[in-house]
PDB file of all heavy atoms in Angstrom:
ATOM      1  N   VAL A   1       1.118  -0.367 -12.537  1.00  0.00           N
ATOM      2  CA  VAL A   1      -0.125  -0.493 -11.771  1.00  0.00           C
ATOM      3  C   VAL A   1      -0.209   0.662 -10.787  1.00  0.00           C
ATOM      4  O   VAL A   1       0.670   0.833  -9.933  1.00  0.00           O
ATOM      5  CB  VAL A   1      -0.199  -1.841 -11.022  1.00  0.00           C
ATOM      6  CG1 VAL A   1      -1.477  -1.911 -10.185  1.00  0.00           C
ATOM      7  CG2 VAL A   1      -0.155  -3.005 -12.011  1.00  0.00           C
ATOM      8  N   GLY A   2      -1.251   1.453 -10.913  1.00  0.00           N
ATOM      9  CA  GLY A   2      -1.480   2.573 -10.001  1.00  0.00           C
ATOM     10  C   GLY A   2      -2.386   2.151  -8.860  1.00  0.00           C
ATOM     11  O   GLY A   2      -3.356   1.419  -9.072  1.00  0.00           O
ATOM     12  N   ILE A   3      -2.062   2.584  -7.669  1.00  0.00           N
ATOM     13  CA  ILE A   3      -2.930   2.355  -6.512  1.00  0.00           C
ATOM     14  C   ILE A   3      -3.552   3.686  -6.125  1.00  0.00           C
ATOM     15  O   ILE A   3      -2.831   4.654  -5.842  1.00  0.00           O
ATOM     16  CB  ILE A   3      -2.147   1.767  -5.329  1.00  0.00           C
ATOM     17  CG1 ILE A   3      -1.528   0.418  -5.713  1.00  0.00           C
ATOM     18  CG2 ILE A   3      -3.077   1.586  -4.128  1.00  0.00           C
ATOM     19  CD1 ILE A   3      -0.737  -0.232  -4.597  1.00  0.00           C
ATOM     20  N   LEU A   4      -4.878   3.745  -6.164  1.00  0.00           N
ATOM     21  CA  LEU A   4      -5.596   4.943  -5.764  1.00  0.00           C
ATOM     22  C   LEU A   4      -5.905   4.828  -4.278  1.00  0.00           C
ATOM     23  O   LEU A   4      -6.820   4.109  -3.870  1.00  0.00           O
ATOM     24  CB  LEU A   4      -6.878   5.107  -6.582  1.00  0.00           C
ATOM     25  CG  LEU A   4      -6.692   5.185  -8.103  1.00  0.00           C
ATOM     26  CD1 LEU A   4      -8.041   5.308  -8.805  1.00  0.00           C
ATOM     27  CD2 LEU A   4      -5.781   6.351  -8.489  1.00  0.00           C
ATOM     28  N   LYS A   5      -5.113   5.500  -3.468  1.00  0.00           N
ATOM     29  CA  LYS A   5      -5.279   5.454  -2.009  1.00  0.00           C
ATOM     30  C   LYS A   5      -6.476   6.295  -1.613  1.00  0.00           C
ATOM     31  O   LYS A   5      -6.561   7.484  -1.927  1.00  0.00           O
ATOM     32  CB  LYS A   5      -4.025   5.988  -1.309  1.00  0.00           C
ATOM     33  CG  LYS A   5      -4.134   6.015   0.215  1.00  0.00           C
ATOM     34  CD  LYS A   5      -2.927   6.671   0.845  1.00  0.00           C
ATOM     35  CE  LYS A   5      -2.963   8.192   0.740  1.00  0.00           C
ATOM     36  NZ  LYS A   5      -4.000   8.803   1.629  1.00  0.00           N
ATOM     37  N   THR A   6      -7.419   5.680  -0.899  1.00  0.00           N
ATOM     38  CA  THR A   6      -8.627   6.400  -0.509  1.00  0.00           C
ATOM     39  C   THR A   6      -8.817   6.450   1.012  1.00  0.00           C
ATOM     40  O   THR A   6      -9.854   6.904   1.487  1.00  0.00           O
ATOM     41  CB  THR A   6      -9.874   5.760  -1.156  1.00  0.00           C
ATOM     42  OG1 THR A   6     -10.002   4.409  -0.694  1.00  0.00           O
ATOM     43  CG2 THR A   6      -9.760   5.767  -2.669  1.00  0.00           C
ATOM     44  N   GLY A   7      -7.835   5.968   1.757  1.00  0.00           N
ATOM     45  CA  GLY A   7      -7.924   5.989   3.208  1.00  0.00           C
ATOM     46  C   GLY A   7      -6.624   5.495   3.812  1.00  0.00           C
ATOM     47  O   GLY A   7      -5.659   5.213   3.099  1.00  0.00           O
ATOM     48  N   ARG A   8      -6.604   5.373   5.133  1.00  0.00           N
ATOM     49  CA  ARG A   8      -5.400   4.893   5.817  1.00  0.00           C
ATOM     50  C   ARG A   8      -5.786   4.056   7.023  1.00  0.00           C
ATOM     51  O   ARG A   8      -6.863   4.230   7.605  1.00  0.00           O
ATOM     52  CB  ARG A   8      -4.517   6.056   6.261  1.00  0.00           C
ATOM     53  CG  ARG A   8      -5.182   6.986   7.261  1.00  0.00           C
ATOM     54  CD  ARG A   8      -4.204   7.962   7.890  1.00  0.00           C
ATOM     55  NE  ARG A   8      -4.854   8.855   8.830  1.00  0.00           N
ATOM     56  CZ  ARG A   8      -5.194   8.538  10.073  1.00  0.00           C
ATOM     57  NH1 ARG A   8      -4.952   7.315  10.527  1.00  0.00           N
ATOM     58  NH2 ARG A   8      -5.775   9.407  10.869  1.00  0.00           N
ATOM     59  N   PRO A   9      -4.916   3.146   7.445  1.00  0.00           N
ATOM     60  CA  PRO A   9      -5.159   2.388   8.677  1.00  0.00           C
ATOM     61  C   PRO A   9      -5.068   3.317   9.886  1.00  0.00           C
ATOM     62  O   PRO A   9      -4.570   4.447   9.788  1.00  0.00           O
ATOM     63  CB  PRO A   9      -4.009   1.369   8.695  1.00  0.00           C
ATOM     64  CG  PRO A   9      -3.450   1.360   7.309  1.00  0.00           C
ATOM     65  CD  PRO A   9      -3.686   2.729   6.764  1.00  0.00           C
ATOM     66  N   PRO A  10      -5.511   2.859  11.070  1.00  0.00           N
ATOM     67  CA  PRO A  10      -5.274   3.635  12.287  1.00  0.00           C
ATOM     68  C   PRO A  10      -3.780   3.911  12.432  1.00  0.00           C
ATOM     69  O   PRO A  10      -2.954   3.034  12.175  1.00  0.00           O
ATOM     70  CB  PRO A  10      -5.782   2.699  13.398  1.00  0.00           C
ATOM     71  CG  PRO A  10      -6.771   1.810  12.727  1.00  0.00           C
ATOM     72  CD  PRO A  10      -6.265   1.616  11.334  1.00  0.00           C
ATOM     73  N   ARG A  11      -3.419   5.111  12.825  1.00  0.00           N
ATOM     74  CA  ARG A  11      -2.006   5.519  12.850  1.00  0.00           C
ATOM     75  C   ARG A  11      -1.106   4.546  13.612  1.00  0.00           C
ATOM     76  O   ARG A  11      -0.016   4.227  13.148  1.00  0.00           O
ATOM     77  CB  ARG A  11      -1.871   6.930  13.422  1.00  0.00           C
ATOM     78  CG  ARG A  11      -2.425   8.006  12.504  1.00  0.00           C
ATOM     79  CD  ARG A  11      -2.008   9.400  12.935  1.00  0.00           C
ATOM     80  NE  ARG A  11      -2.708  10.404  12.154  1.00  0.00           N
ATOM     81  CZ  ARG A  11      -2.326  10.798  10.943  1.00  0.00           C
ATOM     82  NH1 ARG A  11      -1.268  10.257  10.379  1.00  0.00           N
ATOM     83  NH2 ARG A  11      -3.013  11.728  10.294  1.00  0.00           N
ATOM     84  N   PRO A  12      -1.523   4.034  14.790  1.00  0.00           N
ATOM     85  CA  PRO A  12      -0.625   3.115  15.509  1.00  0.00           C
ATOM     86  C   PRO A  12      -0.322   1.824  14.736  1.00  0.00           C
ATOM     87  O   PRO A  12       0.694   1.181  14.992  1.00  0.00           O
ATOM     88  CB  PRO A  12      -1.403   2.805  16.803  1.00  0.00           C
ATOM     89  CG  PRO A  12      -2.355   3.939  16.963  1.00  0.00           C
ATOM     90  CD  PRO A  12      -2.734   4.327  15.575  1.00  0.00           C
ATOM     91  N   ALA A  13      -1.198   1.447  13.780  1.00  0.00           N
ATOM     92  CA  ALA A  13      -1.008   0.190  13.049  1.00  0.00           C
ATOM     93  C   ALA A  13      -0.089   0.352  11.842  1.00  0.00           C
ATOM     94  O   ALA A  13       0.433  -0.645  11.317  1.00  0.00           O
ATOM     95  CB  ALA A  13      -2.360  -0.361  12.592  1.00  0.00           C
ATOM     96  N   ILE A  14       0.127   1.576  11.382  1.00  0.00           N
ATOM     97  CA  ILE A  14       0.878   1.778  10.145  1.00  0.00           C
ATOM     98  C   ILE A  14       2.328   1.309  10.277  1.00  0.00           C
ATOM     99  O   ILE A  14       2.879   0.682   9.372  1.00  0.00           O
ATOM    100  CB  ILE A  14       0.811   3.255   9.698  1.00  0.00           C
ATOM    101  CG1 ILE A  14      -0.621   3.604   9.280  1.00  0.00           C
ATOM    102  CG2 ILE A  14       1.782   3.522   8.551  1.00  0.00           C
ATOM    103  CD1 ILE A  14      -0.832   5.053   8.920  1.00  0.00           C
ATOM    104  N   GLU A  15       2.953   1.579  11.431  1.00  0.00           N
ATOM    105  CA  GLU A  15       4.355   1.190  11.608  1.00  0.00           C
ATOM    106  C   GLU A  15       4.536  -0.320  11.493  1.00  0.00           C
ATOM    107  O   GLU A  15       5.511  -0.785  10.900  1.00  0.00           O
ATOM    108  CB  GLU A  15       4.862   1.674  12.969  1.00  0.00           C
ATOM    109  CG  GLU A  15       6.351   1.390  13.183  1.00  0.00           C
ATOM    110  CD  GLU A  15       6.878   1.975  14.485  1.00  0.00           C
ATOM    111  OE1 GLU A  15       6.165   2.793  15.111  1.00  0.00           O
ATOM    112  OE2 GLU A  15       7.995   1.593  14.877  1.00  0.00           O
ATOM    113  N   GLN A  16       3.595  -1.079  12.018  1.00  0.00           N
ATOM    114  CA  GLN A  16       3.719  -2.544  11.978  1.00  0.00           C
ATOM    115  C   GLN A  16       3.224  -3.141  10.671  1.00  0.00           C
ATOM    116  O   GLN A  16       3.849  -4.061  10.124  1.00  0.00           O
ATOM    117  CB  GLN A  16       2.939  -3.167  13.139  1.00  0.00           C
ATOM    118  CG  GLN A  16       3.049  -4.702  13.178  1.00  0.00           C
ATOM    119  CD  GLN A  16       2.318  -5.304  14.353  1.00  0.00           C
ATOM    120  OE1 GLN A  16       1.765  -4.595  15.200  1.00  0.00           O
ATOM    121  NE2 GLN A  16       2.315  -6.621  14.419  1.00  0.00           N
ATOM    122  N   PHE A  17       2.118  -2.620  10.140  1.00  0.00           N
ATOM    123  CA  PHE A  17       1.469  -3.280   9.003  1.00  0.00           C
ATOM    124  C   PHE A  17       1.572  -2.503   7.693  1.00  0.00           C
ATOM    125  O   PHE A  17       1.261  -3.041   6.637  1.00  0.00           O
ATOM    126  CB  PHE A  17      -0.009  -3.529   9.326  1.00  0.00           C
ATOM    127  CG  PHE A  17      -0.218  -4.414  10.528  1.00  0.00           C
ATOM    128  CD1 PHE A  17      -0.623  -3.870  11.740  1.00  0.00           C
ATOM    129  CD2 PHE A  17       0.023  -5.778  10.451  1.00  0.00           C
ATOM    130  CE1 PHE A  17      -0.815  -4.678  12.847  1.00  0.00           C
ATOM    131  CE2 PHE A  17      -0.160  -6.590  11.562  1.00  0.00           C
ATOM    132  CZ  PHE A  17      -0.576  -6.040  12.766  1.00  0.00           C
ATOM    133  N   GLY A  18       1.983  -1.237   7.753  1.00  0.00           N
ATOM    134  CA  GLY A  18       2.102  -0.441   6.542  1.00  0.00           C
ATOM    135  C   GLY A  18       0.803   0.238   6.157  1.00  0.00           C
ATOM    136  O   GLY A  18      -0.231   0.101   6.819  1.00  0.00           O
ATOM    137  N   THR A  19       0.852   0.995   5.076  1.00  0.00           N
ATOM    138  CA  THR A  19      -0.319   1.686   4.549  1.00  0.00           C
ATOM    139  C   THR A  19      -1.118   0.717   3.681  1.00  0.00           C
ATOM    140  O   THR A  19      -0.659  -0.388   3.368  1.00  0.00           O
ATOM    141  CB  THR A  19       0.105   2.886   3.698  1.00  0.00           C
ATOM    142  OG1 THR A  19       0.866   2.401   2.578  1.00  0.00           O
ATOM    143  CG2 THR A  19       0.955   3.860   4.500  1.00  0.00           C
ATOM    144  N   TYR A  20      -2.286   1.136   3.247  1.00  0.00           N
ATOM    145  CA  TYR A  20      -3.084   0.278   2.371  1.00  0.00           C
ATOM    146  C   TYR A  20      -2.370  -0.015   1.042  1.00  0.00           C
ATOM    147  O   TYR A  20      -2.363  -1.163   0.599  1.00  0.00           O
ATOM    148  CB  TYR A  20      -4.469   0.881   2.140  1.00  0.00           C
ATOM    149  CG  TYR A  20      -5.346   0.840   3.375  1.00  0.00           C
ATOM    150  CD1 TYR A  20      -6.242   1.864   3.658  1.00  0.00           C
ATOM    151  CD2 TYR A  20      -5.280  -0.225   4.267  1.00  0.00           C
ATOM    152  CE1 TYR A  20      -7.050   1.833   4.789  1.00  0.00           C
ATOM    153  CE2 TYR A  20      -6.076  -0.267   5.402  1.00  0.00           C
ATOM    154  CZ  TYR A  20      -6.962   0.763   5.657  1.00  0.00           C
ATOM    155  OH  TYR A  20      -7.750   0.731   6.780  1.00  0.00           O
ATOM    156  N   PRO A  21      -1.756   0.972   0.384  1.00  0.00           N
ATOM    157  CA  PRO A  21      -0.992   0.623  -0.811  1.00  0.00           C
ATOM    158  C   PRO A  21       0.110  -0.397  -0.538  1.00  0.00           C
ATOM    159  O   PRO A  21       0.331  -1.326  -1.332  1.00  0.00           O
ATOM    160  CB  PRO A  21      -0.415   1.972  -1.272  1.00  0.00           C
ATOM    161  CG  PRO A  21      -1.425   2.972  -0.807  1.00  0.00           C
ATOM    162  CD  PRO A  21      -1.878   2.442   0.531  1.00  0.00           C
ATOM    163  N   GLU A  22       0.791  -0.256   0.595  1.00  0.00           N
ATOM    164  CA  GLU A  22       1.854  -1.218   0.923  1.00  0.00           C
ATOM    165  C   GLU A  22       1.292  -2.616   1.160  1.00  0.00           C
ATOM    166  O   GLU A  22       1.928  -3.619   0.805  1.00  0.00           O
ATOM    167  CB  GLU A  22       2.623  -0.726   2.149  1.00  0.00           C
ATOM    168  CG  GLU A  22       3.507   0.473   1.850  1.00  0.00           C
ATOM    169  CD  GLU A  22       4.077   1.126   3.095  1.00  0.00           C
ATOM    170  OE1 GLU A  22       3.458   1.036   4.175  1.00  0.00           O
ATOM    171  OE2 GLU A  22       5.157   1.748   2.977  1.00  0.00           O
ATOM    172  N   MET A  23       0.089  -2.705   1.721  1.00  0.00           N
ATOM    173  CA  MET A  23      -0.534  -4.015   1.916  1.00  0.00           C
ATOM    174  C   MET A  23      -0.805  -4.693   0.581  1.00  0.00           C
ATOM    175  O   MET A  23      -0.611  -5.906   0.432  1.00  0.00           O
ATOM    176  CB  MET A  23      -1.838  -3.865   2.707  1.00  0.00           C
ATOM    177  CG  MET A  23      -1.646  -3.458   4.161  1.00  0.00           C
ATOM    178  SD  MET A  23      -3.256  -3.326   5.013  1.00  0.00           S
ATOM    179  CE  MET A  23      -2.760  -2.547   6.550  1.00  0.00           C
ATOM    180  N   PHE A  24      -1.258  -3.927  -0.401  1.00  0.00           N
ATOM    181  CA  PHE A  24      -1.504  -4.508  -1.730  1.00  0.00           C
ATOM    182  C   PHE A  24      -0.195  -4.920  -2.405  1.00  0.00           C
ATOM    183  O   PHE A  24      -0.123  -5.967  -3.057  1.00  0.00           O
ATOM    184  CB  PHE A  24      -2.277  -3.532  -2.613  1.00  0.00           C
ATOM    185  CG  PHE A  24      -3.754  -3.537  -2.360  1.00  0.00           C
ATOM    186  CD1 PHE A  24      -4.352  -2.508  -1.650  1.00  0.00           C
ATOM    187  CD2 PHE A  24      -4.546  -4.578  -2.811  1.00  0.00           C
ATOM    188  CE1 PHE A  24      -5.715  -2.524  -1.400  1.00  0.00           C
ATOM    189  CE2 PHE A  24      -5.911  -4.606  -2.566  1.00  0.00           C
ATOM    190  CZ  PHE A  24      -6.500  -3.564  -1.853  1.00  0.00           C
ATOM    191  N   MET A  25       0.838  -4.115  -2.260  1.00  0.00           N
ATOM    192  CA  MET A  25       2.140  -4.477  -2.829  1.00  0.00           C
ATOM    193  C   MET A  25       2.663  -5.761  -2.210  1.00  0.00           C
ATOM    194  O   MET A  25       3.238  -6.617  -2.898  1.00  0.00           O
ATOM    195  CB  MET A  25       3.139  -3.338  -2.620  1.00  0.00           C
ATOM    196  CG  MET A  25       2.833  -2.083  -3.399  1.00  0.00           C
ATOM    197  SD  MET A  25       4.094  -0.803  -3.060  1.00  0.00           S
ATOM    198  CE  MET A  25       3.188   0.679  -3.491  1.00  0.00           C
ATOM    199  N   GLU A  26       2.470  -5.895  -0.896  1.00  0.00           N
ATOM    200  CA  GLU A  26       2.917  -7.099  -0.198  1.00  0.00           C
ATOM    201  C   GLU A  26       2.135  -8.315  -0.681  1.00  0.00           C
ATOM    202  O   GLU A  26       2.701  -9.392  -0.900  1.00  0.00           O
ATOM    203  CB  GLU A  26       2.732  -6.911   1.314  1.00  0.00           C
ATOM    204  CG  GLU A  26       3.425  -7.968   2.155  1.00  0.00           C
ATOM    205  CD  GLU A  26       4.941  -7.913   2.070  1.00  0.00           C
ATOM    206  OE1 GLU A  26       5.499  -6.824   1.835  1.00  0.00           O
ATOM    207  OE2 GLU A  26       5.555  -8.983   2.236  1.00  0.00           O
ATOM    208  N   LEU A  27       0.826  -8.163  -0.859  1.00  0.00           N
ATOM    209  CA  LEU A  27      -0.019  -9.272  -1.310  1.00  0.00           C
ATOM    210  C   LEU A  27       0.315  -9.702  -2.730  1.00  0.00           C
ATOM    211  O   LEU A  27       0.425 -10.903  -3.016  1.00  0.00           O
ATOM    212  CB  LEU A  27      -1.497  -8.863  -1.232  1.00  0.00           C
ATOM    213  CG  LEU A  27      -2.506  -9.885  -1.770  1.00  0.00           C
ATOM    214  CD1 LEU A  27      -2.589 -11.107  -0.854  1.00  0.00           C
ATOM    215  CD2 LEU A  27      -3.885  -9.238  -1.944  1.00  0.00           C
ATOM    216  N   LEU A  28       0.490  -8.739  -3.625  1.00  0.00           N
ATOM    217  CA  LEU A  28       0.636  -9.041  -5.049  1.00  0.00           C
ATOM    218  C   LEU A  28       2.087  -9.166  -5.500  1.00  0.00           C
ATOM    219  O   LEU A  28       2.341  -9.651  -6.596  1.00  0.00           O
ATOM    220  CB  LEU A  28      -0.075  -7.968  -5.880  1.00  0.00           C
ATOM    221  CG  LEU A  28      -1.574  -7.806  -5.596  1.00  0.00           C
ATOM    222  CD1 LEU A  28      -2.166  -6.701  -6.451  1.00  0.00           C
ATOM    223  CD2 LEU A  28      -2.321  -9.113  -5.833  1.00  0.00           C
ATOM    224  N   GLY A  29       3.026  -8.725  -4.657  1.00  0.00           N
ATOM    225  CA  GLY A  29       4.439  -8.833  -4.998  1.00  0.00           C
ATOM    226  C   GLY A  29       5.046  -7.475  -5.286  1.00  0.00           C
ATOM    227  O   GLY A  29       4.655  -6.815  -6.256  1.00  0.00           O
ATOM    228  N   ARG A  30       5.977  -7.076  -4.451  1.00  0.00           N
ATOM    229  CA  ARG A  30       6.578  -5.745  -4.625  1.00  0.00           C
ATOM    230  C   ARG A  30       7.335  -5.616  -5.933  1.00  0.00           C
ATOM    231  O   ARG A  30       7.473  -4.521  -6.480  1.00  0.00           O
ATOM    232  CB  ARG A  30       7.497  -5.432  -3.436  1.00  0.00           C
ATOM    233  CG  ARG A  30       6.720  -5.203  -2.137  1.00  0.00           C
ATOM    234  CD  ARG A  30       7.600  -4.763  -0.993  1.00  0.00           C
ATOM    235  NE  ARG A  30       6.808  -4.488   0.202  1.00  0.00           N
ATOM    236  CZ  ARG A  30       6.267  -3.313   0.489  1.00  0.00           C
ATOM    237  NH1 ARG A  30       6.453  -2.291  -0.328  1.00  0.00           N
ATOM    238  NH2 ARG A  30       5.566  -3.146   1.590  1.00  0.00           N
ATOM    239  N   ASP A  31       7.854  -6.723  -6.438  1.00  0.00           N
ATOM    240  CA  ASP A  31       8.600  -6.689  -7.693  1.00  0.00           C
ATOM    241  C   ASP A  31       7.763  -7.129  -8.884  1.00  0.00           C
ATOM    242  O   ASP A  31       8.279  -7.241 -10.005  1.00  0.00           O
ATOM    243  CB  ASP A  31       9.837  -7.596  -7.586  1.00  0.00           C
ATOM    244  CG  ASP A  31      10.797  -7.132  -6.495  1.00  0.00           C
ATOM    245  OD1 ASP A  31      10.897  -5.905  -6.284  1.00  0.00           O
ATOM    246  OD2 ASP A  31      11.430  -7.996  -5.853  1.00  0.00           O
ATOM    247  N   ALA A  32       6.474  -7.380  -8.660  1.00  0.00           N
ATOM    248  CA  ALA A  32       5.627  -7.910  -9.728  1.00  0.00           C
ATOM    249  C   ALA A  32       5.272  -6.842 -10.751  1.00  0.00           C
ATOM    250  O   ALA A  32       5.080  -7.146 -11.935  1.00  0.00           O
ATOM    251  CB  ALA A  32       4.359  -8.516  -9.140  1.00  0.00           C
ATOM    252  N   TYR A  33       5.183  -5.583 -10.297  1.00  0.00           N
ATOM    253  CA  TYR A  33       4.732  -4.501 -11.172  1.00  0.00           C
ATOM    254  C   TYR A  33       5.544  -3.236 -10.915  1.00  0.00           C
ATOM    255  O   TYR A  33       6.235  -3.113  -9.904  1.00  0.00           O
ATOM    256  CB  TYR A  33       3.239  -4.200 -10.928  1.00  0.00           C
ATOM    257  CG  TYR A  33       2.356  -5.410 -11.093  1.00  0.00           C
ATOM    258  CD1 TYR A  33       1.782  -6.026  -9.971  1.00  0.00           C
ATOM    259  CD2 TYR A  33       2.114  -5.952 -12.340  1.00  0.00           C
ATOM    260  CE1 TYR A  33       0.983  -7.155 -10.120  1.00  0.00           C
ATOM    261  CE2 TYR A  33       1.316  -7.080 -12.503  1.00  0.00           C
ATOM    262  CZ  TYR A  33       0.764  -7.681 -11.388  1.00  0.00           C
ATOM    263  OH  TYR A  33      -0.007  -8.795 -11.534  1.00  0.00           O
ATOM    264  N   ASP A  34       5.406  -2.308 -11.833  1.00  0.00           N
ATOM    265  CA  ASP A  34       5.929  -0.952 -11.639  1.00  0.00           C
ATOM    266  C   ASP A  34       4.833  -0.177 -10.907  1.00  0.00           C
ATOM    267  O   ASP A  34       3.890   0.315 -11.517  1.00  0.00           O
ATOM    268  CB  ASP A  34       6.233  -0.330 -13.002  1.00  0.00           C
ATOM    269  CG  ASP A  34       6.752   1.101 -12.899  1.00  0.00           C
ATOM    270  OD1 ASP A  34       6.931   1.582 -11.760  1.00  0.00           O
ATOM    271  OD2 ASP A  34       6.956   1.727 -13.951  1.00  0.00           O
ATOM    272  N   TRP A  35       4.948  -0.139  -9.586  1.00  0.00           N
ATOM    273  CA  TRP A  35       3.892   0.429  -8.762  1.00  0.00           C
ATOM    274  C   TRP A  35       3.920   1.961  -8.761  1.00  0.00           C
ATOM    275  O   TRP A  35       4.987   2.565  -8.666  1.00  0.00           O
ATOM    276  CB  TRP A  35       4.016  -0.049  -7.316  1.00  0.00           C
ATOM    277  CG  TRP A  35       3.803  -1.511  -7.117  1.00  0.00           C
ATOM    278  CD1 TRP A  35       4.754  -2.456  -6.895  1.00  0.00           C
ATOM    279  CD2 TRP A  35       2.557  -2.207  -7.092  1.00  0.00           C
ATOM    280  NE1 TRP A  35       4.191  -3.702  -6.744  1.00  0.00           N
ATOM    281  CE2 TRP A  35       2.827  -3.568  -6.855  1.00  0.00           C
ATOM    282  CE3 TRP A  35       1.225  -1.800  -7.250  1.00  0.00           C
ATOM    283  CZ2 TRP A  35       1.823  -4.531  -6.776  1.00  0.00           C
ATOM    284  CZ3 TRP A  35       0.222  -2.754  -7.167  1.00  0.00           C
ATOM    285  CH2 TRP A  35       0.525  -4.101  -6.932  1.00  0.00           C
ATOM    286  N   ARG A  36       2.761   2.580  -8.843  1.00  0.00           N
ATOM    287  CA  ARG A  36       2.599   4.024  -8.685  1.00  0.00           C
ATOM    288  C   ARG A  36       1.472   4.253  -7.677  1.00  0.00           C
ATOM    289  O   ARG A  36       0.426   3.613  -7.783  1.00  0.00           O
ATOM    290  CB  ARG A  36       2.234   4.696 -10.014  1.00  0.00           C
ATOM    291  CG  ARG A  36       3.149   4.321 -11.192  1.00  0.00           C
ATOM    292  CD  ARG A  36       4.537   4.887 -11.035  1.00  0.00           C
ATOM    293  NE  ARG A  36       5.457   4.385 -12.045  1.00  0.00           N
ATOM    294  CZ  ARG A  36       5.697   4.979 -13.209  1.00  0.00           C
ATOM    295  NH1 ARG A  36       5.064   6.106 -13.515  1.00  0.00           N
ATOM    296  NH2 ARG A  36       6.573   4.471 -14.049  1.00  0.00           N
ATOM    297  N   VAL A  37       1.678   5.137  -6.721  1.00  0.00           N
ATOM    298  CA  VAL A  37       0.667   5.407  -5.700  1.00  0.00           C
ATOM    299  C   VAL A  37       0.159   6.834  -5.866  1.00  0.00           C
ATOM    300  O   VAL A  37       0.945   7.781  -5.977  1.00  0.00           O
ATOM    301  CB  VAL A  37       1.222   5.196  -4.279  1.00  0.00           C
ATOM    302  CG1 VAL A  37       0.170   5.567  -3.236  1.00  0.00           C
ATOM    303  CG2 VAL A  37       1.669   3.748  -4.091  1.00  0.00           C
ATOM    304  N   PHE A  38      -1.172   6.977  -5.885  1.00  0.00           N
ATOM    305  CA  PHE A  38      -1.817   8.285  -6.002  1.00  0.00           C
ATOM    306  C   PHE A  38      -2.752   8.473  -4.810  1.00  0.00           C
ATOM    307  O   PHE A  38      -3.593   7.615  -4.532  1.00  0.00           O
ATOM    308  CB  PHE A  38      -2.616   8.378  -7.305  1.00  0.00           C
ATOM    309  CG  PHE A  38      -1.789   8.138  -8.540  1.00  0.00           C
ATOM    310  CD1 PHE A  38      -1.698   6.864  -9.089  1.00  0.00           C
ATOM    311  CD2 PHE A  38      -1.086   9.175  -9.129  1.00  0.00           C
ATOM    312  CE1 PHE A  38      -0.927   6.629 -10.217  1.00  0.00           C
ATOM    313  CE2 PHE A  38      -0.311   8.955 -10.269  1.00  0.00           C
ATOM    314  CZ  PHE A  38      -0.232   7.672 -10.803  1.00  0.00           C
ATOM    315  N   ALA A  39      -2.593   9.577  -4.100  1.00  0.00           N
ATOM    316  CA  ALA A  39      -3.430   9.863  -2.933  1.00  0.00           C
ATOM    317  C   ALA A  39      -4.748  10.470  -3.409  1.00  0.00           C
ATOM    318  O   ALA A  39      -4.944  11.689  -3.401  1.00  0.00           O
ATOM    319  CB  ALA A  39      -2.706  10.804  -1.978  1.00  0.00           C
TER     320      ALA A  39
END
């Protein structure tokens, strides 16, 4: 499963909550798929 990253959270929030691709991995399961991220 490829994640097409098209933006980012506010910089101060990234350390606590992660990037948008990381949010999707967390929601759907980090071990559920072979994740690929494309900027």
